[in-house]
């Protein structure tokens, strides 16, 4: 999924007045988490990014985000969750949070199944 597609999907399902730059910042935050908490804890393969510097308003909108299909639904859910929070729509936020949390869990479990933990990451697991 691209930045542009994630924002489009969130906006289609939840029309809002949140600036595109804010949504890009949220997506950058999520991919920083994905990179640090999930990708860096595993042995790299040929498709593993070596670094992640985040996204800005100058990032090409067609750049691919880190979570790949079929687990890329984390992005529109994450954006919708933040939109609900900004709009102080707490019931909607709780629903969006549940959808995001489920998608995050599915993505994380799939990544763990498909990639080996780094030895030092295994030592840090609780």
C-alpha atoms as a PDB file:
ATOM      1  CA  UNK A   1       0.000   0.000   0.000  1.00  0.00           C
ATOM      2  CA  UNK A   2       1.208   3.488  -0.756  1.00  0.00           C
ATOM      3  CA  UNK A   3       0.924   6.662   1.301  1.00  0.00           C
ATOM      4  CA  UNK A   4      -1.578   7.990  -1.200  1.00  0.00           C
ATOM      5  CA  UNK A   5      -3.746   4.861  -1.116  1.00  0.00           C
ATOM      6  CA  UNK A   6      -3.770   4.662   2.699  1.00  0.00           C
ATOM      7  CA  UNK A   7      -4.887   8.271   2.977  1.00  0.00           C
ATOM      8  CA  UNK A   8      -7.474   7.830   0.217  1.00  0.00           C
ATOM      9  CA  UNK A   9      -8.991   4.748   1.878  1.00  0.00           C
ATOM     10  CA  UNK A  10      -9.179   6.444   5.279  1.00  0.00           C
ATOM     11  CA  UNK A  11     -10.711   9.594   3.809  1.00  0.00           C
ATOM     12  CA  UNK A  12     -13.275   7.648   1.783  1.00  0.00           C
ATOM     13  CA  UNK A  13     -14.538   5.815   4.839  1.00  0.00           C
ATOM     14  CA  UNK A  14     -14.179   8.712   7.266  1.00  0.00           C
ATOM     15  CA  UNK A  15     -14.453  12.158   5.639  1.00  0.00           C
ATOM     16  CA  UNK A  16     -12.467  14.662   7.694  1.00  0.00           C
ATOM     17  CA  UNK A  17     -10.656  17.980   7.806  1.00  0.00           C
ATOM     18  CA  UNK A  18      -7.294  16.638   8.990  1.00  0.00           C
ATOM     19  CA  UNK A  19      -4.394  17.944   6.891  1.00  0.00           C
ATOM     20  CA  UNK A  20      -2.621  15.518   4.578  1.00  0.00           C
ATOM     21  CA  UNK A  21       0.694  16.457   6.195  1.00  0.00           C
ATOM     22  CA  UNK A  22      -0.650  15.282   9.566  1.00  0.00           C
ATOM     23  CA  UNK A  23      -1.747  11.963   8.056  1.00  0.00           C
ATOM     24  CA  UNK A  24       1.693  11.482   6.509  1.00  0.00           C
ATOM     25  CA  UNK A  25       3.221  12.149   9.929  1.00  0.00           C
ATOM     26  CA  UNK A  26       0.951   9.495  11.466  1.00  0.00           C
ATOM     27  CA  UNK A  27       1.917   6.989   8.762  1.00  0.00           C
ATOM     28  CA  UNK A  28       5.572   7.801   9.389  1.00  0.00           C
ATOM     29  CA  UNK A  29       5.077   7.162  13.098  1.00  0.00           C
ATOM     30  CA  UNK A  30       3.444   3.797  12.405  1.00  0.00           C
ATOM     31  CA  UNK A  31       6.173   2.674  10.013  1.00  0.00           C
ATOM     32  CA  UNK A  32       8.842   3.761  12.498  1.00  0.00           C
ATOM     33  CA  UNK A  33       7.154   1.456  15.021  1.00  0.00           C
ATOM     34  CA  UNK A  34       6.942  -1.361  12.481  1.00  0.00           C
ATOM     35  CA  UNK A  35      10.597  -0.935  11.574  1.00  0.00           C
ATOM     36  CA  UNK A  36      11.886  -0.693  15.142  1.00  0.00           C
ATOM     37  CA  UNK A  37       9.630  -3.174  16.951  1.00  0.00           C
ATOM     38  CA  UNK A  38       9.095  -5.811  14.279  1.00  0.00           C
ATOM     39  CA  UNK A  39      11.507  -5.632  11.348  1.00  0.00           C
ATOM     40  CA  UNK A  40      14.668  -4.888  13.349  1.00  0.00           C
ATOM     41  CA  UNK A  41      13.937  -7.750  15.755  1.00  0.00           C
ATOM     42  CA  UNK A  42      14.249 -10.285  12.920  1.00  0.00           C
ATOM     43  CA  UNK A  43      16.985 -11.564  10.657  1.00  0.00           C
ATOM     44  CA  UNK A  44      16.968  -9.552   7.411  1.00  0.00           C
ATOM     45  CA  UNK A  45      16.114 -11.097   4.061  1.00  0.00           C
ATOM     46  CA  UNK A  46      16.519  -9.722   0.540  1.00  0.00           C
ATOM     47  CA  UNK A  47      13.421  -7.515   0.875  1.00  0.00           C
ATOM     48  CA  UNK A  48      14.211  -6.136   4.324  1.00  0.00           C
ATOM     49  CA  UNK A  49      14.930  -2.393   4.404  1.00  0.00           C
ATOM     50  CA  UNK A  50      18.290  -1.580   5.977  1.00  0.00           C
ATOM     51  CA  UNK A  51      17.059   1.698   7.453  1.00  0.00           C
ATOM     52  CA  UNK A  52      13.938   3.786   7.767  1.00  0.00           C
ATOM     53  CA  UNK A  53      14.053   7.555   7.935  1.00  0.00           C
ATOM     54  CA  UNK A  54      10.349   8.342   8.006  1.00  0.00           C
ATOM     55  CA  UNK A  55       8.051  10.216   5.665  1.00  0.00           C
ATOM     56  CA  UNK A  56       7.495  13.920   5.109  1.00  0.00           C
ATOM     57  CA  UNK A  57       5.258  15.975   2.864  1.00  0.00           C
ATOM     58  CA  UNK A  58       8.078  15.746   0.286  1.00  0.00           C
ATOM     59  CA  UNK A  59       8.007  11.941   0.239  1.00  0.00           C
ATOM     60  CA  UNK A  60       6.593  10.656  -3.061  1.00  0.00           C
ATOM     61  CA  UNK A  61       2.948   9.670  -2.442  1.00  0.00           C
ATOM     62  CA  UNK A  62       3.402   6.422  -4.368  1.00  0.00           C
ATOM     63  CA  UNK A  63       6.107   5.075  -2.048  1.00  0.00           C
ATOM     64  CA  UNK A  64       5.289   1.644  -0.632  1.00  0.00           C
ATOM     65  CA  UNK A  65       4.681   1.447   3.106  1.00  0.00           C
ATOM     66  CA  UNK A  66       6.413  -1.262   5.149  1.00  0.00           C
ATOM     67  CA  UNK A  67       3.499  -3.629   5.912  1.00  0.00           C
ATOM     68  CA  UNK A  68       2.753  -5.661   2.797  1.00  0.00           C
ATOM     69  CA  UNK A  69      -0.571  -7.178   1.670  1.00  0.00           C
ATOM     70  CA  UNK A  70      -2.648  -8.773   3.000  1.00  0.00           C
ATOM     71  CA  UNK A  71      -1.627  -7.027   6.250  1.00  0.00           C
ATOM     72  CA  UNK A  72      -1.531  -3.458   4.953  1.00  0.00           C
ATOM     73  CA  UNK A  73      -4.999  -2.681   6.309  1.00  0.00           C
ATOM     74  CA  UNK A  74      -3.187  -1.471   9.436  1.00  0.00           C
ATOM     75  CA  UNK A  75      -2.662   1.872   7.688  1.00  0.00           C
ATOM     76  CA  UNK A  76      -6.221   3.044   6.979  1.00  0.00           C
ATOM     77  CA  UNK A  77      -7.334   1.731  10.390  1.00  0.00           C
ATOM     78  CA  UNK A  78      -4.496   3.659  12.071  1.00  0.00           C
ATOM     79  CA  UNK A  79      -5.456   6.855  10.240  1.00  0.00           C
ATOM     80  CA  UNK A  80      -9.162   6.410  11.041  1.00  0.00           C
ATOM     81  CA  UNK A  81      -8.337   5.847  14.699  1.00  0.00           C
ATOM     82  CA  UNK A  82      -6.366   9.095  14.869  1.00  0.00           C
ATOM     83  CA  UNK A  83      -9.041  11.013  12.955  1.00  0.00           C
ATOM     84  CA  UNK A  84     -11.642   9.853  15.493  1.00  0.00           C
ATOM     85  CA  UNK A  85      -9.403  10.927  18.363  1.00  0.00           C
ATOM     86  CA  UNK A  86      -8.797  14.378  16.854  1.00  0.00           C
ATOM     87  CA  UNK A  87     -12.553  14.780  16.347  1.00  0.00           C
ATOM     88  CA  UNK A  88     -13.185  13.743  19.982  1.00  0.00           C
ATOM     89  CA  UNK A  89     -15.423  10.911  18.774  1.00  0.00           C
ATOM     90  CA  UNK A  90     -14.476   8.482  21.492  1.00  0.00           C
ATOM     91  CA  UNK A  91     -16.953   5.684  20.674  1.00  0.00           C
ATOM     92  CA  UNK A  92     -15.763   5.701  17.067  1.00  0.00           C
ATOM     93  CA  UNK A  93     -12.171   5.894  18.297  1.00  0.00           C
ATOM     94  CA  UNK A  94     -12.655   2.768  20.412  1.00  0.00           C
ATOM     95  CA  UNK A  95     -14.096   0.907  17.424  1.00  0.00           C
ATOM     96  CA  UNK A  96     -11.252   2.070  15.173  1.00  0.00           C
ATOM     97  CA  UNK A  97      -8.744   1.124  17.855  1.00  0.00           C
ATOM     98  CA  UNK A  98     -10.124  -2.419  17.943  1.00  0.00           C
ATOM     99  CA  UNK A  99      -9.888  -2.718  14.160  1.00  0.00           C
ATOM    100  CA  UNK A 100      -6.341  -1.368  14.176  1.00  0.00           C
ATOM    101  CA  UNK A 101      -5.257  -3.579  17.083  1.00  0.00           C
ATOM    102  CA  UNK A 102      -6.585  -6.671  15.334  1.00  0.00           C
ATOM    103  CA  UNK A 103      -4.843  -5.745  12.073  1.00  0.00           C
ATOM    104  CA  UNK A 104      -1.598  -4.948  13.951  1.00  0.00           C
ATOM    105  CA  UNK A 105      -1.703  -8.318  15.697  1.00  0.00           C
ATOM    106  CA  UNK A 106      -2.308 -10.196  12.451  1.00  0.00           C
ATOM    107  CA  UNK A 107       0.577  -8.381  10.776  1.00  0.00           C
ATOM    108  CA  UNK A 108       2.975  -8.924  13.688  1.00  0.00           C
ATOM    109  CA  UNK A 109       2.122 -12.622  14.020  1.00  0.00           C
ATOM    110  CA  UNK A 110       2.545 -13.186  10.271  1.00  0.00           C
ATOM    111  CA  UNK A 111       5.890 -11.386  10.254  1.00  0.00           C
ATOM    112  CA  UNK A 112       7.073 -13.459  13.228  1.00  0.00           C
ATOM    113  CA  UNK A 113       6.042 -16.663  11.448  1.00  0.00           C
ATOM    114  CA  UNK A 114       7.820 -15.722   8.220  1.00  0.00           C
ATOM    115  CA  UNK A 115      11.076 -14.319   9.667  1.00  0.00           C
ATOM    116  CA  UNK A 116      13.576 -15.589  12.200  1.00  0.00           C
ATOM    117  CA  UNK A 117      14.179 -13.575  15.349  1.00  0.00           C
ATOM    118  CA  UNK A 118      17.689 -12.217  15.770  1.00  0.00           C
ATOM    119  CA  UNK A 119      19.463 -14.083  18.577  1.00  0.00           C
ATOM    120  CA  UNK A 120      19.775 -10.908  20.667  1.00  0.00           C
ATOM    121  CA  UNK A 121      16.055 -10.206  20.156  1.00  0.00           C
ATOM    122  CA  UNK A 122      15.196 -13.657  21.513  1.00  0.00           C
ATOM    123  CA  UNK A 123      17.238 -12.963  24.633  1.00  0.00           C
ATOM    124  CA  UNK A 124      15.171  -9.834  25.295  1.00  0.00           C
ATOM    125  CA  UNK A 125      11.776 -11.494  24.993  1.00  0.00           C
ATOM    126  CA  UNK A 126       9.846 -11.658  28.247  1.00  0.00           C
END
